């Protein structure tokens, strides 16, 4: 394994590969041994390529692995940082850190979006989970290339400590749906939430929710789960109704 990694360091790269290798180094904090892992991590399913055994390859498998590794690293980090907090608190904060919206934002902040290879308009994918998916795939690539400690260093030093404000994550605890429900009860209004449309496939599925007050539509919101879509619609309703 060590001989293989040393060989990778002295491999001849094309000018394009050299630029990508430097960019990856700046992003994760160290030189990649196996550049092909990172190239795969940045390949969206829309740009999948057929490998030598006839399988279409994209970053989906690395995303699956990275999701598990990222969850473990964040769990360990929170466990050590908050030694006196209960399990429910740790679970909730981890969930907020690794949810799609949060990972999409980190991908945007660190410049990862510009590196992703995909087919179609960049504007078309701007609101999707493409950034968060690629970030998880990148964690998976680092894990395979540098092991758990390398992945942990990347996540802690390049994601958690630079692009996430934990105090803000902890304080951002508004449940907008509950606020709207309480307002409707107080004002004696009839309230209901409805999922009015769905689009996309598999983990790319996006839901659109709408809030109705006395059977009149007030606001819509989108998310990559029904719960997130309802929260987004509730948040807009709070703005319109000046709640909270």
C-alpha atoms as a PDB file:
ATOM      1  CA  UNK A   1       0.000   0.000   0.000  1.00  0.00           C
ATOM      2  CA  UNK A   2       2.809   2.407   0.918  1.00  0.00           C
ATOM      3  CA  UNK A   3       4.688   1.620  -2.317  1.00  0.00           C
ATOM      4  CA  UNK A   4       1.524   2.306  -4.297  1.00  0.00           C
ATOM      5  CA  UNK A   5       1.024   5.670  -2.590  1.00  0.00           C
ATOM      6  CA  UNK A   6       4.634   6.671  -3.220  1.00  0.00           C
ATOM      7  CA  UNK A   7       4.232   5.707  -6.864  1.00  0.00           C
ATOM      8  CA  UNK A   8       1.149   7.930  -7.079  1.00  0.00           C
ATOM      9  CA  UNK A   9       3.198  10.896  -5.875  1.00  0.00           C
ATOM     10  CA  UNK A  10       5.644  10.507  -8.787  1.00  0.00           C
ATOM     11  CA  UNK A  11       2.994   9.761 -11.397  1.00  0.00           C
ATOM     12  CA  UNK A  12       2.998  11.917 -14.535  1.00  0.00           C
ATOM     13  CA  UNK A  13      -0.064  14.162 -14.642  1.00  0.00           C
ATOM     14  CA  UNK A  14      -1.558  16.146 -17.474  1.00  0.00           C
ATOM     15  CA  UNK A  15      -1.701  19.943 -17.009  1.00  0.00           C
ATOM     16  CA  UNK A  16      -5.423  19.636 -16.203  1.00  0.00           C
ATOM     17  CA  UNK A  17      -4.753  16.914 -13.628  1.00  0.00           C
ATOM     18  CA  UNK A  18      -1.987  19.020 -12.066  1.00  0.00           C
ATOM     19  CA  UNK A  19      -4.407  21.930 -11.659  1.00  0.00           C
ATOM     20  CA  UNK A  20      -7.031  19.665 -10.112  1.00  0.00           C
ATOM     21  CA  UNK A  21      -4.449  18.102  -7.791  1.00  0.00           C
ATOM     22  CA  UNK A  22      -3.398  21.531  -6.552  1.00  0.00           C
ATOM     23  CA  UNK A  23      -7.014  22.585  -6.086  1.00  0.00           C
ATOM     24  CA  UNK A  24      -7.781  19.427  -4.109  1.00  0.00           C
ATOM     25  CA  UNK A  25      -4.700  20.034  -1.957  1.00  0.00           C
ATOM     26  CA  UNK A  26      -5.890  23.557  -1.171  1.00  0.00           C
ATOM     27  CA  UNK A  27      -9.376  22.232  -0.413  1.00  0.00           C
ATOM     28  CA  UNK A  28      -8.590  19.258   1.829  1.00  0.00           C
ATOM     29  CA  UNK A  29      -5.236  20.382   3.237  1.00  0.00           C
ATOM     30  CA  UNK A  30      -2.889  17.772   1.761  1.00  0.00           C
ATOM     31  CA  UNK A  31      -1.769  16.311  -1.558  1.00  0.00           C
ATOM     32  CA  UNK A  32      -3.999  13.507  -2.837  1.00  0.00           C
ATOM     33  CA  UNK A  33      -2.275  10.149  -3.353  1.00  0.00           C
ATOM     34  CA  UNK A  34      -4.954   8.714  -5.654  1.00  0.00           C
ATOM     35  CA  UNK A  35      -6.275  11.549  -7.792  1.00  0.00           C
ATOM     36  CA  UNK A  36      -8.819   9.294  -9.535  1.00  0.00           C
ATOM     37  CA  UNK A  37     -10.768   9.003  -6.275  1.00  0.00           C
ATOM     38  CA  UNK A  38     -11.236  12.767  -6.163  1.00  0.00           C
ATOM     39  CA  UNK A  39     -12.109  12.939  -9.844  1.00  0.00           C
ATOM     40  CA  UNK A  40     -14.833  10.371  -9.184  1.00  0.00           C
ATOM     41  CA  UNK A  41     -16.040  12.275  -6.099  1.00  0.00           C
ATOM     42  CA  UNK A  42     -16.626  15.323  -8.302  1.00  0.00           C
ATOM     43  CA  UNK A  43     -18.572  13.443 -10.992  1.00  0.00           C
ATOM     44  CA  UNK A  44     -22.338  13.879 -10.701  1.00  0.00           C
ATOM     45  CA  UNK A  45     -24.625  11.087 -11.903  1.00  0.00           C
ATOM     46  CA  UNK A  46     -25.623  13.180 -14.917  1.00  0.00           C
ATOM     47  CA  UNK A  47     -22.000  12.966 -16.111  1.00  0.00           C
ATOM     48  CA  UNK A  48     -21.420   9.291 -15.219  1.00  0.00           C
ATOM     49  CA  UNK A  49     -18.925   7.376 -17.350  1.00  0.00           C
ATOM     50  CA  UNK A  50     -18.715   3.700 -18.313  1.00  0.00           C
ATOM     51  CA  UNK A  51     -15.699   1.947 -16.781  1.00  0.00           C
ATOM     52  CA  UNK A  52     -13.705  -0.990 -18.103  1.00  0.00           C
ATOM     53  CA  UNK A  53     -16.243  -3.553 -16.854  1.00  0.00           C
ATOM     54  CA  UNK A  54     -19.234  -1.767 -18.339  1.00  0.00           C
ATOM     55  CA  UNK A  55     -20.555  -0.082 -15.174  1.00  0.00           C
ATOM     56  CA  UNK A  56     -21.543   3.581 -15.140  1.00  0.00           C
ATOM     57  CA  UNK A  57     -19.505   5.367 -12.498  1.00  0.00           C
ATOM     58  CA  UNK A  58     -20.422   8.539 -10.633  1.00  0.00           C
ATOM     59  CA  UNK A  59     -19.939   9.851  -7.107  1.00  0.00           C
ATOM     60  CA  UNK A  60     -22.974   8.023  -5.679  1.00  0.00           C
ATOM     61  CA  UNK A  61     -21.038   5.171  -4.046  1.00  0.00           C
ATOM     62  CA  UNK A  62     -18.468   7.565  -2.566  1.00  0.00           C
ATOM     63  CA  UNK A  63     -21.361   9.714  -1.340  1.00  0.00           C
ATOM     64  CA  UNK A  64     -22.784   6.686   0.495  1.00  0.00           C
ATOM     65  CA  UNK A  65     -19.431   6.003   2.152  1.00  0.00           C
ATOM     66  CA  UNK A  66     -18.753   9.648   2.927  1.00  0.00           C
ATOM     67  CA  UNK A  67     -22.151  10.056   4.562  1.00  0.00           C
ATOM     68  CA  UNK A  68     -21.290   7.347   7.096  1.00  0.00           C
ATOM     69  CA  UNK A  69     -17.751   8.635   7.706  1.00  0.00           C
ATOM     70  CA  UNK A  70     -18.906  12.241   8.069  1.00  0.00           C
ATOM     71  CA  UNK A  71     -21.602  11.239  10.552  1.00  0.00           C
ATOM     72  CA  UNK A  72     -19.073   9.340  12.678  1.00  0.00           C
ATOM     73  CA  UNK A  73     -16.540  12.190  12.656  1.00  0.00           C
ATOM     74  CA  UNK A  74     -19.118  14.837  13.583  1.00  0.00           C
ATOM     75  CA  UNK A  75     -20.517  12.571  16.317  1.00  0.00           C
ATOM     76  CA  UNK A  76     -17.032  12.075  17.813  1.00  0.00           C
ATOM     77  CA  UNK A  77     -16.238  15.800  17.566  1.00  0.00           C
ATOM     78  CA  UNK A  78     -19.435  16.827  19.362  1.00  0.00           C
ATOM     79  CA  UNK A  79     -19.029  14.054  21.951  1.00  0.00           C
ATOM     80  CA  UNK A  80     -15.609  15.433  22.933  1.00  0.00           C
ATOM     81  CA  UNK A  81     -16.469  19.123  22.642  1.00  0.00           C
ATOM     82  CA  UNK A  82     -19.621  18.882  24.801  1.00  0.00           C
ATOM     83  CA  UNK A  83     -18.746  16.277  27.470  1.00  0.00           C
ATOM     84  CA  UNK A  84     -21.657  17.183  29.732  1.00  0.00           C
ATOM     85  CA  UNK A  85     -24.481  17.432  27.184  1.00  0.00           C
ATOM     86  CA  UNK A  86     -27.114  14.708  26.871  1.00  0.00           C
ATOM     87  CA  UNK A  87     -27.526  12.335  23.921  1.00  0.00           C
ATOM     88  CA  UNK A  88     -30.571  14.184  22.556  1.00  0.00           C
ATOM     89  CA  UNK A  89     -28.628  17.439  22.241  1.00  0.00           C
ATOM     90  CA  UNK A  90     -25.699  15.743  20.473  1.00  0.00           C
ATOM     91  CA  UNK A  91     -28.020  13.944  18.051  1.00  0.00           C
ATOM     92  CA  UNK A  92     -29.908  17.133  17.198  1.00  0.00           C
ATOM     93  CA  UNK A  93     -26.770  19.210  16.568  1.00  0.00           C
ATOM     94  CA  UNK A  94     -25.200  16.468  14.453  1.00  0.00           C
ATOM     95  CA  UNK A  95     -28.392  16.320  12.404  1.00  0.00           C
ATOM     96  CA  UNK A  96     -28.281  20.072  11.772  1.00  0.00           C
ATOM     97  CA  UNK A  97     -24.635  19.911  10.697  1.00  0.00           C
ATOM     98  CA  UNK A  98     -24.975  17.009   8.241  1.00  0.00           C
ATOM     99  CA  UNK A  99     -28.376  17.855   6.729  1.00  0.00           C
ATOM    100  CA  UNK A 100     -28.500  18.640   3.001  1.00  0.00           C
ATOM    101  CA  UNK A 101     -29.088  22.367   3.400  1.00  0.00           C
ATOM    102  CA  UNK A 102     -26.067  22.750   5.683  1.00  0.00           C
ATOM    103  CA  UNK A 103     -23.782  20.653   3.450  1.00  0.00           C
ATOM    104  CA  UNK A 104     -24.933  22.509   0.340  1.00  0.00           C
ATOM    105  CA  UNK A 105     -23.979  25.788   2.028  1.00  0.00           C
ATOM    106  CA  UNK A 106     -20.546  24.453   3.018  1.00  0.00           C
ATOM    107  CA  UNK A 107     -19.980  23.233  -0.562  1.00  0.00           C
ATOM    108  CA  UNK A 108     -20.796  26.716  -1.825  1.00  0.00           C
ATOM    109  CA  UNK A 109     -18.553  28.465   0.717  1.00  0.00           C
ATOM    110  CA  UNK A 110     -15.493  26.300   0.057  1.00  0.00           C
ATOM    111  CA  UNK A 111     -15.776  26.563  -3.733  1.00  0.00           C
ATOM    112  CA  UNK A 112     -16.633  22.913  -4.322  1.00  0.00           C
ATOM    113  CA  UNK A 113     -19.597  23.727  -6.573  1.00  0.00           C
ATOM    114  CA  UNK A 114     -17.287  25.064  -9.295  1.00  0.00           C
ATOM    115  CA  UNK A 115     -15.387  21.751  -9.437  1.00  0.00           C
ATOM    116  CA  UNK A 116     -18.342  19.392  -9.913  1.00  0.00           C
ATOM    117  CA  UNK A 117     -18.628  17.703 -13.296  1.00  0.00           C
ATOM    118  CA  UNK A 118     -22.209  17.380 -14.527  1.00  0.00           C
ATOM    119  CA  UNK A 119     -24.344  17.611 -17.646  1.00  0.00           C
ATOM    120  CA  UNK A 120     -26.875  20.428 -18.030  1.00  0.00           C
ATOM    121  CA  UNK A 121     -27.223  24.018 -16.901  1.00  0.00           C
ATOM    122  CA  UNK A 122     -25.427  25.031 -13.683  1.00  0.00           C
ATOM    123  CA  UNK A 123     -28.444  27.171 -12.853  1.00  0.00           C
ATOM    124  CA  UNK A 124     -30.667  24.075 -13.110  1.00  0.00           C
ATOM    125  CA  UNK A 125     -28.652  22.344 -10.376  1.00  0.00           C
ATOM    126  CA  UNK A 126     -28.105  25.392  -8.167  1.00  0.00           C
ATOM    127  CA  UNK A 127     -30.985  24.565  -5.797  1.00  0.00           C
ATOM    128  CA  UNK A 128     -30.418  20.802  -5.739  1.00  0.00           C
ATOM    129  CA  UNK A 129     -28.366  18.746  -3.310  1.00  0.00           C
ATOM    130  CA  UNK A 130     -25.515  18.404  -5.818  1.00  0.00           C
ATOM    131  CA  UNK A 131     -23.108  20.339  -3.584  1.00  0.00           C
ATOM    132  CA  UNK A 132     -23.893  18.425  -0.407  1.00  0.00           C
ATOM    133  CA  UNK A 133     -23.717  15.116  -2.275  1.00  0.00           C
ATOM    134  CA  UNK A 134     -20.298  15.995  -3.713  1.00  0.00           C
ATOM    135  CA  UNK A 135     -19.048  17.092  -0.281  1.00  0.00           C
ATOM    136  CA  UNK A 136     -20.002  13.721   1.197  1.00  0.00           C
ATOM    137  CA  UNK A 137     -18.353  11.976  -1.768  1.00  0.00           C
ATOM    138  CA  UNK A 138     -15.223  14.056  -1.154  1.00  0.00           C
ATOM    139  CA  UNK A 139     -15.150  12.891   2.463  1.00  0.00           C
ATOM    140  CA  UNK A 140     -15.441   9.320   1.159  1.00  0.00           C
ATOM    141  CA  UNK A 141     -12.549   9.899  -1.251  1.00  0.00           C
ATOM    142  CA  UNK A 142     -10.333  11.331   1.503  1.00  0.00           C
ATOM    143  CA  UNK A 143     -11.204   8.372   3.733  1.00  0.00           C
ATOM    144  CA  UNK A 144     -10.146   5.846   1.065  1.00  0.00           C
ATOM    145  CA  UNK A 145      -7.054   7.872   0.163  1.00  0.00           C
ATOM    146  CA  UNK A 146      -5.849   8.893   3.634  1.00  0.00           C
ATOM    147  CA  UNK A 147      -7.758   6.726   6.103  1.00  0.00           C
ATOM    148  CA  UNK A 148     -10.016   7.766   8.980  1.00  0.00           C
ATOM    149  CA  UNK A 149      -7.480  10.140  10.531  1.00  0.00           C
ATOM    150  CA  UNK A 150      -7.020  11.982   7.235  1.00  0.00           C
ATOM    151  CA  UNK A 151     -10.773  12.259   6.797  1.00  0.00           C
ATOM    152  CA  UNK A 152     -11.151  13.444  10.382  1.00  0.00           C
ATOM    153  CA  UNK A 153      -8.501  16.130   9.906  1.00  0.00           C
ATOM    154  CA  UNK A 154     -10.244  17.344   6.741  1.00  0.00           C
ATOM    155  CA  UNK A 155     -13.716  17.446   8.291  1.00  0.00           C
ATOM    156  CA  UNK A 156     -12.680  19.051  11.580  1.00  0.00           C
ATOM    157  CA  UNK A 157     -10.079  21.533  10.342  1.00  0.00           C
ATOM    158  CA  UNK A 158     -11.497  22.402   6.923  1.00  0.00           C
ATOM    159  CA  UNK A 159     -15.255  22.127   7.473  1.00  0.00           C
ATOM    160  CA  UNK A 160     -16.277  22.367  11.121  1.00  0.00           C
ATOM    161  CA  UNK A 161     -13.710  24.948  12.224  1.00  0.00           C
ATOM    162  CA  UNK A 162     -13.822  27.152   9.117  1.00  0.00           C
ATOM    163  CA  UNK A 163     -17.248  26.964   7.499  1.00  0.00           C
ATOM    164  CA  UNK A 164     -19.590  26.193  10.406  1.00  0.00           C
ATOM    165  CA  UNK A 165     -20.385  28.372  13.413  1.00  0.00           C
ATOM    166  CA  UNK A 166     -21.400  25.831  16.057  1.00  0.00           C
ATOM    167  CA  UNK A 167     -22.818  28.479  18.382  1.00  0.00           C
ATOM    168  CA  UNK A 168     -25.059  29.670  15.560  1.00  0.00           C
ATOM    169  CA  UNK A 169     -26.074  26.092  14.728  1.00  0.00           C
ATOM    170  CA  UNK A 170     -27.058  25.517  18.370  1.00  0.00           C
ATOM    171  CA  UNK A 171     -28.964  28.790  18.691  1.00  0.00           C
ATOM    172  CA  UNK A 172     -30.849  28.358  15.406  1.00  0.00           C
ATOM    173  CA  UNK A 173     -33.611  26.334  17.000  1.00  0.00           C
ATOM    174  CA  UNK A 174     -36.765  27.975  15.666  1.00  0.00           C
ATOM    175  CA  UNK A 175     -39.502  25.539  14.750  1.00  0.00           C
ATOM    176  CA  UNK A 176     -41.439  27.690  12.291  1.00  0.00           C
ATOM    177  CA  UNK A 177     -44.191  25.111  11.838  1.00  0.00           C
ATOM    178  CA  UNK A 178     -44.908  25.168  15.573  1.00  0.00           C
ATOM    179  CA  UNK A 179     -44.972  28.984  15.524  1.00  0.00           C
ATOM    180  CA  UNK A 180     -47.568  28.999  12.736  1.00  0.00           C
ATOM    181  CA  UNK A 181     -49.671  26.352  14.495  1.00  0.00           C
ATOM    182  CA  UNK A 182     -49.618  28.339  17.750  1.00  0.00           C
ATOM    183  CA  UNK A 183     -50.578  31.522  15.876  1.00  0.00           C
ATOM    184  CA  UNK A 184     -53.501  29.785  14.137  1.00  0.00           C
ATOM    185  CA  UNK A 185     -54.791  28.419  17.437  1.00  0.00           C
ATOM    186  CA  UNK A 186     -54.471  31.820  19.086  1.00  0.00           C
ATOM    187  CA  UNK A 187     -56.248  33.585  16.205  1.00  0.00           C
ATOM    188  CA  UNK A 188     -58.846  30.819  15.829  1.00  0.00           C
ATOM    189  CA  UNK A 189     -57.797  30.160  12.231  1.00  0.00           C
ATOM    190  CA  UNK A 190     -58.059  26.932  10.270  1.00  0.00           C
ATOM    191  CA  UNK A 191     -54.554  25.807   9.278  1.00  0.00           C
ATOM    192  CA  UNK A 192     -53.266  23.008   7.104  1.00  0.00           C
ATOM    193  CA  UNK A 193     -50.046  22.005   5.339  1.00  0.00           C
ATOM    194  CA  UNK A 194     -50.043  20.176   2.015  1.00  0.00           C
ATOM    195  CA  UNK A 195     -47.372  18.711  -0.261  1.00  0.00           C
ATOM    196  CA  UNK A 196     -48.472  20.064  -3.636  1.00  0.00           C
ATOM    197  CA  UNK A 197     -45.762  18.615  -5.869  1.00  0.00           C
ATOM    198  CA  UNK A 198     -42.689  16.389  -6.025  1.00  0.00           C
ATOM    199  CA  UNK A 199     -39.909  16.254  -8.586  1.00  0.00           C
ATOM    200  CA  UNK A 200     -36.631  14.483  -9.126  1.00  0.00           C
ATOM    201  CA  UNK A 201     -35.589  10.901  -8.505  1.00  0.00           C
ATOM    202  CA  UNK A 202     -34.095   8.907  -5.650  1.00  0.00           C
ATOM    203  CA  UNK A 203     -32.189  11.154  -3.212  1.00  0.00           C
ATOM    204  CA  UNK A 204     -32.577  14.068  -5.634  1.00  0.00           C
ATOM    205  CA  UNK A 205     -36.335  14.222  -4.957  1.00  0.00           C
ATOM    206  CA  UNK A 206     -37.557  17.700  -4.018  1.00  0.00           C
ATOM    207  CA  UNK A 207     -40.883  18.413  -2.299  1.00  0.00           C
ATOM    208  CA  UNK A 208     -42.974  21.572  -2.531  1.00  0.00           C
ATOM    209  CA  UNK A 209     -45.219  22.339   0.459  1.00  0.00           C
ATOM    210  CA  UNK A 210     -47.934  24.965   0.790  1.00  0.00           C
ATOM    211  CA  UNK A 211     -49.509  26.531   3.866  1.00  0.00           C
ATOM    212  CA  UNK A 212     -53.260  27.243   3.859  1.00  0.00           C
ATOM    213  CA  UNK A 213     -55.054  29.477   6.354  1.00  0.00           C
ATOM    214  CA  UNK A 214     -58.829  29.275   6.225  1.00  0.00           C
ATOM    215  CA  UNK A 215     -58.328  27.356   2.960  1.00  0.00           C
ATOM    216  CA  UNK A 216     -56.416  30.267   1.390  1.00  0.00           C
ATOM    217  CA  UNK A 217     -52.812  29.604   0.238  1.00  0.00           C
ATOM    218  CA  UNK A 218     -50.342  31.756   2.154  1.00  0.00           C
ATOM    219  CA  UNK A 219     -46.844  30.566   1.248  1.00  0.00           C
ATOM    220  CA  UNK A 220     -44.883  27.737  -0.355  1.00  0.00           C
ATOM    221  CA  UNK A 221     -41.522  26.211   0.465  1.00  0.00           C
ATOM    222  CA  UNK A 222     -39.276  23.491  -0.903  1.00  0.00           C
ATOM    223  CA  UNK A 223     -36.984  20.908   0.638  1.00  0.00           C
ATOM    224  CA  UNK A 224     -35.446  17.495   0.112  1.00  0.00           C
ATOM    225  CA  UNK A 225     -37.908  15.920   2.557  1.00  0.00           C
ATOM    226  CA  UNK A 226     -41.558  16.628   3.289  1.00  0.00           C
ATOM    227  CA  UNK A 227     -40.621  17.872   6.763  1.00  0.00           C
ATOM    228  CA  UNK A 228     -38.032  20.325   5.368  1.00  0.00           C
ATOM    229  CA  UNK A 229     -40.479  21.583   2.747  1.00  0.00           C
ATOM    230  CA  UNK A 230     -43.144  22.234   5.389  1.00  0.00           C
ATOM    231  CA  UNK A 231     -40.610  24.041   7.590  1.00  0.00           C
ATOM    232  CA  UNK A 232     -39.560  26.227   4.645  1.00  0.00           C
ATOM    233  CA  UNK A 233     -43.208  27.066   3.860  1.00  0.00           C
ATOM    234  CA  UNK A 234     -43.858  27.770   7.552  1.00  0.00           C
ATOM    235  CA  UNK A 235     -40.839  30.090   7.713  1.00  0.00           C
ATOM    236  CA  UNK A 236     -42.173  32.141   4.787  1.00  0.00           C
ATOM    237  CA  UNK A 237     -45.604  32.194   6.441  1.00  0.00           C
ATOM    238  CA  UNK A 238     -44.028  33.616   9.600  1.00  0.00           C
ATOM    239  CA  UNK A 239     -42.478  36.409   7.543  1.00  0.00           C
ATOM    240  CA  UNK A 240     -45.778  37.206   5.820  1.00  0.00           C
ATOM    241  CA  UNK A 241     -47.825  37.050   9.014  1.00  0.00           C
ATOM    242  CA  UNK A 242     -45.070  38.788  11.055  1.00  0.00           C
ATOM    243  CA  UNK A 243     -44.882  35.924  13.561  1.00  0.00           C
ATOM    244  CA  UNK A 244     -41.908  35.496  15.869  1.00  0.00           C
END
